[in-house]
Amino acid sequence: MGKKKTNFFENFANWATNATGSSTAFIIAITVIIIWGITGPVFNYSDTWQLIINTGTTIVTFLMVFLIQKSQNKDSKAVHLKLNELLASHQGASNRMVNLEDLTEIELDHLHKFYVQLSDFAEEEDDITCTHSIDAAKDNQAQKLNSFKSKIYYINARNQKNSSKQSK
């Protein structure tokens, strides 16, 4: 894929995510809490003593939210791309599913109902279609499109779409 170009924040976020998700980080956090607890009698459990742990944990939590979100976004994007690859390369898969994350909640609920029904139908079948690589995705798309062009629902949807464009 070529040389990776990452900025300082990207490198720091990757390092911090790995560091804070480690056993060492957990042990350090437990140690800090134990030390704080042990020092309670020394400071007579004062407001300042309590404020130290409250402020420290608030700051760490605040920063970790952004770090976790950054990591989550990157992981989510990678998973979407992997799933898109599977959809695009599978002969029997609909390529319209590639960008489902852009749909509204209502549209996703509608699709969910459709797939529940499809699952019920699939229980009656035992045919498993073969898979293809991304190299064959273009050919698969052409084959799918040619197959659907003769279906009445495709013809009706196409006519409806053309009617909408003409009325604008």
C-alpha atoms as a PDB file:
ATOM      1  CA  MET A   1       0.000   0.000   0.000  1.00  0.00           C
ATOM      2  CA  GLY A   2       2.965   2.354   0.159  1.00  0.00           C
ATOM      3  CA  LYS A   3       4.471   4.323   2.997  1.00  0.00           C
ATOM      4  CA  LYS A   4       2.041   5.250   5.757  1.00  0.00           C
ATOM      5  CA  LYS A   5       1.725   8.950   6.509  1.00  0.00           C
ATOM      6  CA  THR A   6       0.554   9.607  10.029  1.00  0.00           C
ATOM      7  CA  ASN A   7       0.513  12.793  12.003  1.00  0.00           C
ATOM      8  CA  PHE A   8       1.631  13.339  15.571  1.00  0.00           C
ATOM      9  CA  PHE A   9      -1.870  12.901  17.014  1.00  0.00           C
ATOM     10  CA  GLU A  10      -2.390   9.645  15.110  1.00  0.00           C
ATOM     11  CA  ASN A  11       0.883   8.238  16.456  1.00  0.00           C
ATOM     12  CA  PHE A  12       0.168   9.482  19.969  1.00  0.00           C
ATOM     13  CA  ALA A  13      -3.401   8.118  19.909  1.00  0.00           C
ATOM     14  CA  ASN A  14      -2.181   4.677  18.802  1.00  0.00           C
ATOM     15  CA  TRP A  15       0.511   4.659  21.488  1.00  0.00           C
ATOM     16  CA  ALA A  16      -1.849   5.933  24.216  1.00  0.00           C
ATOM     17  CA  THR A  17      -4.575   3.450  23.272  1.00  0.00           C
ATOM     18  CA  ASN A  18      -2.126   0.570  23.562  1.00  0.00           C
ATOM     19  CA  ALA A  19      -0.600   1.930  26.769  1.00  0.00           C
ATOM     20  CA  THR A  20      -3.862   2.680  28.591  1.00  0.00           C
ATOM     21  CA  GLY A  21      -5.381  -0.645  27.575  1.00  0.00           C
ATOM     22  CA  SER A  22      -2.537  -2.618  29.114  1.00  0.00           C
ATOM     23  CA  SER A  23      -2.257  -4.525  32.379  1.00  0.00           C
ATOM     24  CA  THR A  24       0.493  -2.122  33.432  1.00  0.00           C
ATOM     25  CA  ALA A  25      -1.858   0.860  33.131  1.00  0.00           C
ATOM     26  CA  PHE A  26      -4.453  -0.921  35.255  1.00  0.00           C
ATOM     27  CA  ILE A  27      -1.870  -1.750  37.921  1.00  0.00           C
ATOM     28  CA  ILE A  28      -0.679   1.880  37.929  1.00  0.00           C
ATOM     29  CA  ALA A  29      -4.270   3.113  38.358  1.00  0.00           C
ATOM     30  CA  ILE A  30      -4.883   0.704  41.259  1.00  0.00           C
ATOM     31  CA  THR A  31      -1.570   1.766  42.837  1.00  0.00           C
ATOM     32  CA  VAL A  32      -2.506   5.466  42.605  1.00  0.00           C
ATOM     33  CA  ILE A  33      -5.850   4.770  44.303  1.00  0.00           C
ATOM     34  CA  ILE A  34      -4.176   2.713  47.058  1.00  0.00           C
ATOM     35  CA  ILE A  35      -1.586   5.436  47.688  1.00  0.00           C
ATOM     36  CA  TRP A  36      -4.349   8.041  47.752  1.00  0.00           C
ATOM     37  CA  GLY A  37      -6.326   5.920  50.215  1.00  0.00           C
ATOM     38  CA  ILE A  38      -3.319   5.352  52.471  1.00  0.00           C
ATOM     39  CA  THR A  39      -2.537   9.082  52.570  1.00  0.00           C
ATOM     40  CA  GLY A  40      -6.067   9.876  53.781  1.00  0.00           C
ATOM     41  CA  PRO A  41      -5.193   9.812  57.511  1.00  0.00           C
ATOM     42  CA  VAL A  42      -2.041  11.862  56.853  1.00  0.00           C
ATOM     43  CA  PHE A  43      -4.168  14.665  55.374  1.00  0.00           C
ATOM     44  CA  ASN A  44      -7.074  14.100  57.818  1.00  0.00           C
ATOM     45  CA  TYR A  45      -9.338  13.162  54.888  1.00  0.00           C
ATOM     46  CA  SER A  46      -9.475  16.865  54.042  1.00  0.00           C
ATOM     47  CA  ASP A  47     -11.388  18.459  51.202  1.00  0.00           C
ATOM     48  CA  THR A  48      -8.106  19.037  49.364  1.00  0.00           C
ATOM     49  CA  TRP A  49      -7.244  15.336  49.699  1.00  0.00           C
ATOM     50  CA  GLN A  50     -10.627  14.403  48.174  1.00  0.00           C
ATOM     51  CA  LEU A  51     -10.326  17.105  45.517  1.00  0.00           C
ATOM     52  CA  ILE A  52      -7.030  15.650  44.293  1.00  0.00           C
ATOM     53  CA  ILE A  53      -8.551  12.273  43.372  1.00  0.00           C
ATOM     54  CA  ASN A  54     -11.738  13.845  42.006  1.00  0.00           C
ATOM     55  CA  THR A  55      -9.848  16.280  39.785  1.00  0.00           C
ATOM     56  CA  GLY A  56      -7.360  13.644  38.641  1.00  0.00           C
ATOM     57  CA  THR A  57     -10.003  11.096  37.706  1.00  0.00           C
ATOM     58  CA  THR A  58     -12.146  13.741  35.988  1.00  0.00           C
ATOM     59  CA  ILE A  59      -9.252  14.927  33.824  1.00  0.00           C
ATOM     60  CA  VAL A  60      -8.205  11.373  32.923  1.00  0.00           C
ATOM     61  CA  THR A  61     -11.798  10.405  32.129  1.00  0.00           C
ATOM     62  CA  PHE A  62     -12.326  13.515  30.000  1.00  0.00           C
ATOM     63  CA  LEU A  63      -9.192  12.828  27.941  1.00  0.00           C
ATOM     64  CA  MET A  64      -9.902   9.095  27.661  1.00  0.00           C
ATOM     65  CA  VAL A  65     -13.336   9.759  26.147  1.00  0.00           C
ATOM     66  CA  PHE A  66     -11.695  11.413  23.144  1.00  0.00           C
ATOM     67  CA  LEU A  67      -8.980   8.794  22.910  1.00  0.00           C
ATOM     68  CA  ILE A  68     -11.487   5.953  23.048  1.00  0.00           C
ATOM     69  CA  GLN A  69     -13.698   7.660  20.453  1.00  0.00           C
ATOM     70  CA  LYS A  70     -10.729   8.106  18.097  1.00  0.00           C
ATOM     71  CA  SER A  71      -9.814   4.459  18.447  1.00  0.00           C
ATOM     72  CA  GLN A  72     -13.457   3.389  18.072  1.00  0.00           C
ATOM     73  CA  ASN A  73     -13.876   5.472  14.898  1.00  0.00           C
ATOM     74  CA  LYS A  74     -10.756   3.954  13.344  1.00  0.00           C
ATOM     75  CA  ASP A  75     -11.782   0.408  14.262  1.00  0.00           C
ATOM     76  CA  SER A  76     -15.322   1.005  13.036  1.00  0.00           C
ATOM     77  CA  LYS A  77     -14.074   2.331   9.697  1.00  0.00           C
ATOM     78  CA  ALA A  78     -11.786  -0.689   9.278  1.00  0.00           C
ATOM     79  CA  VAL A  79     -14.635  -3.105  10.042  1.00  0.00           C
ATOM     80  CA  HIS A  80     -16.918  -1.293   7.578  1.00  0.00           C
ATOM     81  CA  LEU A  81     -14.272  -1.546   4.874  1.00  0.00           C
ATOM     82  CA  LYS A  82     -13.778  -5.249   5.531  1.00  0.00           C
ATOM     83  CA  LEU A  83     -17.521  -5.858   5.383  1.00  0.00           C
ATOM     84  CA  ASN A  84     -17.777  -3.744   2.216  1.00  0.00           C
ATOM     85  CA  GLU A  85     -15.084  -5.949   0.664  1.00  0.00           C
ATOM     86  CA  LEU A  86     -17.082  -9.044   1.534  1.00  0.00           C
ATOM     87  CA  LEU A  87     -20.287  -7.558   0.124  1.00  0.00           C
ATOM     88  CA  ALA A  88     -18.652  -6.352  -3.066  1.00  0.00           C
ATOM     89  CA  SER A  89     -16.933  -9.662  -3.703  1.00  0.00           C
ATOM     90  CA  HIS A  90     -19.886 -11.947  -2.985  1.00  0.00           C
ATOM     91  CA  GLN A  91     -21.963 -12.931  -5.998  1.00  0.00           C
ATOM     92  CA  GLY A  92     -25.235 -13.115  -4.117  1.00  0.00           C
ATOM     93  CA  ALA A  93     -24.826  -9.980  -1.982  1.00  0.00           C
ATOM     94  CA  SER A  94     -26.521  -6.678  -2.725  1.00  0.00           C
ATOM     95  CA  ASN A  95     -24.018  -3.887  -3.337  1.00  0.00           C
ATOM     96  CA  ARG A  96     -26.606  -1.436  -1.986  1.00  0.00           C
ATOM     97  CA  MET A  97     -25.620  -2.647   1.497  1.00  0.00           C
ATOM     98  CA  VAL A  98     -22.128  -1.146   1.245  1.00  0.00           C
ATOM     99  CA  ASN A  99     -22.955   2.215   2.895  1.00  0.00           C
ATOM    100  CA  LEU A 100     -25.674   1.240   5.355  1.00  0.00           C
ATOM    101  CA  GLU A 101     -24.046   3.350   8.058  1.00  0.00           C
ATOM    102  CA  ASP A 102     -25.293   6.439   6.193  1.00  0.00           C
ATOM    103  CA  LEU A 103     -28.976   5.456   6.517  1.00  0.00           C
ATOM    104  CA  THR A 104     -31.366   6.851   9.103  1.00  0.00           C
ATOM    105  CA  GLU A 105     -32.531   4.809  12.076  1.00  0.00           C
ATOM    106  CA  ILE A 106     -35.962   4.347  10.465  1.00  0.00           C
ATOM    107  CA  GLU A 107     -34.402   3.073   7.234  1.00  0.00           C
ATOM    108  CA  LEU A 108     -32.233   0.652   9.208  1.00  0.00           C
ATOM    109  CA  ASP A 109     -35.295  -0.613  11.099  1.00  0.00           C
ATOM    110  CA  HIS A 110     -37.074  -1.186   7.769  1.00  0.00           C
ATOM    111  CA  LEU A 111     -34.099  -3.168   6.449  1.00  0.00           C
ATOM    112  CA  HIS A 112     -33.936  -5.147   9.675  1.00  0.00           C
ATOM    113  CA  LYS A 113     -37.542  -6.265   9.206  1.00  0.00           C
ATOM    114  CA  PHE A 114     -36.732  -7.242   5.624  1.00  0.00           C
ATOM    115  CA  TYR A 115     -33.782  -9.384   6.752  1.00  0.00           C
ATOM    116  CA  VAL A 116     -35.802 -11.053   9.477  1.00  0.00           C
ATOM    117  CA  GLN A 117     -38.235 -12.112   6.764  1.00  0.00           C
ATOM    118  CA  LEU A 118     -35.361 -13.130   4.488  1.00  0.00           C
ATOM    119  CA  SER A 119     -33.903 -15.211   7.319  1.00  0.00           C
ATOM    120  CA  ASP A 120     -37.201 -17.046   7.613  1.00  0.00           C
ATOM    121  CA  PHE A 121     -37.049 -17.839   3.891  1.00  0.00           C
ATOM    122  CA  ALA A 122     -33.392 -18.901   4.131  1.00  0.00           C
ATOM    123  CA  GLU A 123     -34.222 -21.538   6.704  1.00  0.00           C
ATOM    124  CA  GLU A 124     -36.105 -23.374   3.956  1.00  0.00           C
ATOM    125  CA  GLU A 125     -33.132 -23.341   1.553  1.00  0.00           C
ATOM    126  CA  ASP A 126     -29.805 -25.157   1.585  1.00  0.00           C
ATOM    127  CA  ASP A 127     -28.089 -23.395  -1.349  1.00  0.00           C
ATOM    128  CA  ILE A 128     -24.910 -21.514  -0.486  1.00  0.00           C
ATOM    129  CA  THR A 129     -23.511 -19.262  -3.203  1.00  0.00           C
ATOM    130  CA  CYS A 130     -19.799 -19.120  -3.894  1.00  0.00           C
ATOM    131  CA  THR A 131     -17.642 -16.124  -3.035  1.00  0.00           C
ATOM    132  CA  HIS A 132     -15.349 -14.053  -5.244  1.00  0.00           C
ATOM    133  CA  SER A 133     -12.486 -11.670  -4.720  1.00  0.00           C
ATOM    134  CA  ILE A 134     -12.703  -7.896  -5.119  1.00  0.00           C
ATOM    135  CA  ASP A 135     -11.203  -8.372  -8.600  1.00  0.00           C
ATOM    136  CA  ALA A 136     -14.431 -10.050  -9.654  1.00  0.00           C
ATOM    137  CA  ALA A 137     -16.705  -7.434  -8.026  1.00  0.00           C
ATOM    138  CA  LYS A 138     -17.170  -5.420 -11.226  1.00  0.00           C
ATOM    139  CA  ASP A 139     -18.214  -8.529 -13.156  1.00  0.00           C
ATOM    140  CA  ASN A 140     -20.468  -9.570 -10.275  1.00  0.00           C
ATOM    141  CA  GLN A 141     -22.166  -6.174 -10.309  1.00  0.00           C
ATOM    142  CA  ALA A 142     -22.813  -6.403 -14.054  1.00  0.00           C
ATOM    143  CA  GLN A 143     -24.223  -9.910 -13.667  1.00  0.00           C
ATOM    144  CA  LYS A 144     -26.439  -8.846 -10.760  1.00  0.00           C
ATOM    145  CA  LEU A 145     -27.688  -5.822 -12.660  1.00  0.00           C
ATOM    146  CA  ASN A 146     -28.482  -7.839 -15.787  1.00  0.00           C
ATOM    147  CA  SER A 147     -30.270 -10.413 -13.654  1.00  0.00           C
ATOM    148  CA  PHE A 148     -32.406  -7.786 -11.909  1.00  0.00           C
ATOM    149  CA  LYS A 149     -33.226  -5.785 -15.054  1.00  0.00           C
ATOM    150  CA  SER A 150     -35.806  -8.369 -16.063  1.00  0.00           C
ATOM    151  CA  LYS A 151     -37.551  -8.373 -12.673  1.00  0.00           C
ATOM    152  CA  ILE A 152     -40.811  -6.415 -12.446  1.00  0.00           C
ATOM    153  CA  TYR A 153     -39.859  -4.648  -9.184  1.00  0.00           C
ATOM    154  CA  TYR A 154     -36.657  -3.379 -10.805  1.00  0.00           C
ATOM    155  CA  ILE A 155     -38.519  -2.119 -13.878  1.00  0.00           C
ATOM    156  CA  ASN A 156     -41.127  -0.397 -11.688  1.00  0.00           C
ATOM    157  CA  ALA A 157     -38.473   1.232  -9.477  1.00  0.00           C
ATOM    158  CA  ARG A 158     -36.541   2.429 -12.532  1.00  0.00           C
ATOM    159  CA  ASN A 159     -39.708   3.885 -14.121  1.00  0.00           C
ATOM    160  CA  GLN A 160     -40.643   5.604 -10.852  1.00  0.00           C
ATOM    161  CA  LYS A 161     -37.156   7.093 -10.542  1.00  0.00           C
ATOM    162  CA  ASN A 162     -37.275   8.400 -14.123  1.00  0.00           C
ATOM    163  CA  SER A 163     -40.737   9.899 -13.526  1.00  0.00           C
ATOM    164  CA  SER A 164     -39.429  11.733 -10.451  1.00  0.00           C
ATOM    165  CA  LYS A 165     -36.523  13.212 -12.401  1.00  0.00           C
ATOM    166  CA  GLN A 166     -38.779  14.412 -15.225  1.00  0.00           C
ATOM    167  CA  SER A 167     -41.243  16.115 -12.870  1.00  0.00           C
ATOM    168  CA  LYS A 168     -38.483  18.228 -11.256  1.00  0.00           C
END
